[in-house]
Amino acid sequence: MARRVSATAGGKLKWLAGLLALVLLAGVAWPGERFLVPQEMPLPLYARGLGYTNLTDGWVVTSFFYPVDTIPRSYDLSNQPVYKYPVGTVTPYVEGALIFGDSTTTPEQLELHNVPGARVPMWLTPVANWTRWTINAMEKAGPLVGWADSYHQTAQPIDPAEPTEPWHVQTVASGFLEDGRSFRVTSSLTDTLYSCTVTFGE
């Protein structure tokens, strides 16, 4: 079961390759250039896996960038990037920028945060009931459903001198669950290692 759960953390961060492909199609970027997401390029991610808290009684954390009811219910969310509906058609819940440094082919940072007034849907799925990373499977597992009114995510190369090497993704999110409790998620991911914590309030 551990292998299935860890797959939600993002694997090889294939979604970054999708963003790079969009940049290259648009032409070579200049140092210091910023591409706004989604205003200047779409966000090719239905959702983002933020990891799991532990393998016994913990939670698998998923943030959704588009309305859940617009995402195919049986779609394997680990297949990223994706350019099908609602990508490019529906405004996502997050926005941000892809920022270039000295390199003109690889960005040095991607930053995402809530669209003003938007809340990012977040599902906390019990690890004990985990089977697949699809909406159908997570619903059967009985997730805690919530919304983050504060969501901030940054992604950047672990080694700035090697921008095409593995990236580090950090996320901090907080909001409220359907049952009224507050929650906070902190997540730190690389290609091979990650940590994820969830805390609940009243």
Protein backbone atom coordinates (compact mmCIF):
# COMPACT_ATOMS: atom_id res chain seq x y z
CA MET A 1 0.00 0.00 0.00
CA ALA A 2 2.88 2.41 0.67
CA ARG A 3 3.84 2.50 -2.98
CA ARG A 4 0.31 3.38 -4.06
CA VAL A 5 0.07 6.20 -1.55
CA SER A 6 3.46 7.71 -2.30
CA ALA A 7 2.58 7.93 -5.99
CA THR A 8 0.27 10.84 -5.19
CA ALA A 9 3.25 12.95 -4.19
CA GLY A 10 3.96 13.66 -7.82
CA GLY A 11 6.53 11.07 -8.95
CA LYS A 12 8.94 12.69 -11.38
CA LEU A 13 7.12 16.06 -11.41
CA LYS A 14 6.05 15.51 -15.01
CA TRP A 15 3.74 18.52 -14.78
CA LEU A 16 6.78 20.80 -14.87
CA ALA A 17 7.76 19.35 -18.24
CA GLY A 18 4.32 20.30 -19.50
CA LEU A 19 4.78 23.90 -18.45
CA LEU A 20 8.21 23.97 -20.08
CA ALA A 21 6.72 22.65 -23.31
CA LEU A 22 4.26 25.53 -23.31
CA VAL A 23 7.06 28.04 -22.79
CA LEU A 24 9.13 26.57 -25.61
CA LEU A 25 6.14 26.65 -27.96
CA ALA A 26 5.71 30.32 -27.16
CA GLY A 27 9.37 31.01 -27.97
CA VAL A 28 12.58 31.27 -25.97
CA ALA A 29 12.22 33.11 -22.69
CA TRP A 30 14.50 35.96 -21.64
CA PRO A 31 16.33 36.07 -18.29
CA GLY A 32 14.10 37.63 -15.67
CA GLU A 33 10.94 37.01 -17.71
CA ARG A 34 7.71 36.03 -15.99
CA PHE A 35 4.84 34.06 -17.49
CA LEU A 36 1.57 34.54 -15.62
CA VAL A 37 -0.45 31.41 -14.84
CA PRO A 38 -3.18 31.03 -16.11
CA GLN A 39 -3.33 34.40 -17.89
CA GLU A 40 -0.40 33.71 -20.25
CA MET A 41 -0.31 29.93 -20.09
CA PRO A 42 -2.81 27.38 -18.79
CA LEU A 43 -2.31 25.35 -15.63
CA PRO A 44 -2.15 21.72 -16.89
CA LEU A 45 -2.90 20.11 -13.53
CA TYR A 46 -6.29 18.86 -12.37
CA ALA A 47 -4.96 18.39 -8.86
CA ARG A 48 -1.80 18.17 -6.79
CA GLY A 49 -0.88 15.36 -4.43
CA LEU A 50 0.75 16.74 -1.29
CA GLY A 51 1.78 13.40 0.21
CA TYR A 52 0.55 11.38 3.17
CA THR A 53 1.03 11.84 6.90
CA ASN A 54 1.75 8.21 7.88
CA LEU A 55 0.98 4.68 6.70
CA THR A 56 -1.31 3.49 9.49
CA ASP A 57 -3.97 6.00 10.49
CA GLY A 58 -2.90 9.03 8.48
CA TRP A 59 -4.25 11.08 5.59
CA VAL A 60 -3.45 11.33 1.89
CA VAL A 61 -3.74 15.03 1.00
CA THR A 62 -5.01 16.26 -2.39
CA SER A 63 -5.56 19.83 -3.52
CA PHE A 64 -7.81 20.45 -6.53
CA PHE A 65 -6.97 23.33 -8.86
CA TYR A 66 -10.29 23.14 -10.76
CA PRO A 67 -13.87 22.48 -9.59
CA VAL A 68 -14.08 18.82 -8.63
CA ASP A 69 -17.29 18.34 -10.65
CA THR A 70 -15.46 19.36 -13.85
CA ILE A 71 -12.76 16.68 -13.50
CA PRO A 72 -13.40 13.18 -14.95
CA ARG A 73 -14.26 11.01 -11.96
CA SER A 74 -12.29 7.96 -13.07
CA TYR A 75 -9.23 9.89 -14.32
CA ASP A 76 -5.92 8.81 -12.74
CA LEU A 77 -4.74 12.11 -11.28
CA SER A 78 -1.10 11.00 -11.39
CA ASN A 79 -1.21 11.35 -15.20
CA GLN A 80 0.17 14.88 -15.45
CA PRO A 81 0.34 17.22 -17.27
CA VAL A 82 -3.13 17.17 -18.78
CA TYR A 83 -4.51 19.55 -21.42
CA LYS A 84 -8.13 18.37 -21.57
CA TYR A 85 -11.19 20.17 -20.19
CA PRO A 86 -11.35 22.03 -17.83
CA VAL A 87 -7.74 23.12 -18.48
CA GLY A 88 -7.73 26.21 -20.69
CA THR A 89 -11.50 26.63 -20.39
CA VAL A 90 -12.36 26.95 -16.70
CA THR A 91 -10.54 29.46 -14.48
CA PRO A 92 -8.53 27.55 -11.86
CA TYR A 93 -8.66 28.32 -8.14
CA VAL A 94 -4.96 29.27 -8.14
CA GLU A 95 -2.82 31.68 -10.09
CA GLY A 96 0.82 32.67 -10.10
CA ALA A 97 3.90 32.93 -12.27
CA LEU A 98 6.66 30.93 -13.90
CA ILE A 99 9.86 32.92 -13.37
CA PHE A 100 13.12 32.66 -15.31
CA GLY A 101 16.56 33.54 -13.97
CA ASP A 102 19.83 33.31 -15.89
CA SER A 103 18.65 30.31 -17.90
CA THR A 104 16.57 31.08 -20.98
CA THR A 105 15.17 27.57 -21.34
CA THR A 106 14.35 26.42 -17.80
CA PRO A 107 12.45 28.41 -15.14
CA GLU A 108 13.95 28.95 -11.73
CA GLN A 109 10.64 29.10 -9.86
CA LEU A 110 6.93 28.45 -10.14
CA GLU A 111 4.71 30.09 -7.55
CA LEU A 112 0.97 29.53 -7.09
CA HIS A 113 -1.52 31.04 -4.65
CA ASN A 114 -5.28 31.49 -4.31
CA VAL A 115 -7.08 33.54 -6.91
CA PRO A 116 -8.47 36.46 -4.85
CA GLY A 117 -11.67 35.29 -3.18
CA ALA A 118 -11.24 31.65 -4.26
CA ARG A 119 -10.94 28.68 -1.94
CA VAL A 120 -8.94 25.64 -3.05
CA PRO A 121 -10.81 22.33 -2.52
CA MET A 122 -8.77 19.90 -0.44
CA TRP A 123 -9.52 16.25 0.33
CA LEU A 124 -7.94 14.32 3.17
CA THR A 125 -8.39 10.64 2.34
CA PRO A 126 -7.79 7.97 5.02
CA VAL A 127 -4.62 6.05 4.22
CA ALA A 128 -6.25 2.86 5.51
CA ASN A 129 -8.92 3.06 2.78
CA TRP A 130 -6.65 4.22 -0.04
CA THR A 131 -6.79 2.34 -3.37
CA ARG A 132 -6.31 4.68 -6.35
CA TRP A 133 -5.86 8.39 -6.99
CA THR A 134 -9.18 9.03 -8.68
CA ILE A 135 -12.18 11.02 -7.51
CA ASN A 136 -14.34 7.88 -7.51
CA ALA A 137 -11.87 5.92 -5.39
CA MET A 138 -11.30 8.75 -2.94
CA GLU A 139 -15.05 9.26 -2.49
CA LYS A 140 -15.46 5.54 -1.70
CA ALA A 141 -12.64 5.86 0.84
CA GLY A 142 -14.56 8.56 2.74
CA PRO A 143 -12.41 11.71 2.61
CA LEU A 144 -12.60 14.71 4.85
CA VAL A 145 -13.58 17.53 2.47
CA GLY A 146 -12.39 21.06 3.02
CA TRP A 147 -11.40 24.32 1.37
CA ALA A 148 -8.20 26.29 1.76
CA ASP A 149 -8.74 30.03 1.86
CA SER A 150 -4.96 30.34 2.17
CA TYR A 151 -2.91 28.31 -0.31
CA HIS A 152 0.70 28.96 -1.27
CA GLN A 153 2.97 26.70 -3.30
CA THR A 154 6.47 27.21 -4.66
CA ALA A 155 8.50 24.91 -6.89
CA GLN A 156 12.15 25.41 -7.73
CA PRO A 157 15.28 23.38 -8.56
CA ILE A 158 17.03 21.80 -5.59
CA ASP A 159 20.30 23.04 -7.09
CA PRO A 160 19.90 26.41 -8.86
CA ALA A 161 23.02 25.61 -10.92
CA GLU A 162 21.24 22.54 -12.32
CA PRO A 163 17.73 23.78 -13.17
CA THR A 164 16.76 20.64 -15.09
CA GLU A 165 17.55 18.40 -12.12
CA PRO A 166 14.95 17.39 -9.46
CA TRP A 167 12.76 20.15 -8.09
CA HIS A 168 11.58 20.91 -4.58
CA VAL A 169 7.88 21.74 -4.08
CA GLN A 170 6.70 23.37 -0.86
CA THR A 171 3.05 23.95 0.02
CA VAL A 172 1.34 25.58 2.99
CA ALA A 173 -2.46 25.60 3.08
CA SER A 174 -5.09 26.32 5.70
CA GLY A 175 -8.85 26.55 5.81
CA PHE A 176 -11.95 24.77 7.08
CA LEU A 177 -13.49 21.32 6.74
CA GLU A 178 -17.15 20.51 6.08
CA ASP A 179 -17.56 19.66 9.76
CA GLY A 180 -16.46 23.16 10.76
CA ARG A 181 -12.98 22.33 12.04
CA SER A 182 -10.01 24.33 10.84
CA PHE A 183 -7.02 22.57 9.30
CA ARG A 184 -3.47 23.34 8.23
CA VAL A 185 -1.31 21.36 5.79
CA THR A 186 2.43 21.70 5.27
CA SER A 187 4.09 19.67 2.53
CA SER A 188 7.65 19.41 1.23
CA LEU A 189 8.28 17.24 -1.86
CA THR A 190 11.16 16.19 -4.08
CA ASP A 191 11.41 13.37 -6.63
CA THR A 192 12.45 10.91 -3.93
CA LEU A 193 11.63 12.37 -0.51
CA TYR A 194 8.72 14.22 1.02
CA SER A 195 7.04 15.11 4.27
CA CYS A 196 3.45 16.07 4.91
CA THR A 197 1.73 17.14 8.12
CA VAL A 198 -1.91 17.90 8.87
CA THR A 199 -3.13 19.61 12.01
CA PHE A 200 -6.73 20.22 13.04
CA GLY A 201 -8.26 22.98 15.14
CA GLU A 202 -11.69 23.41 16.66
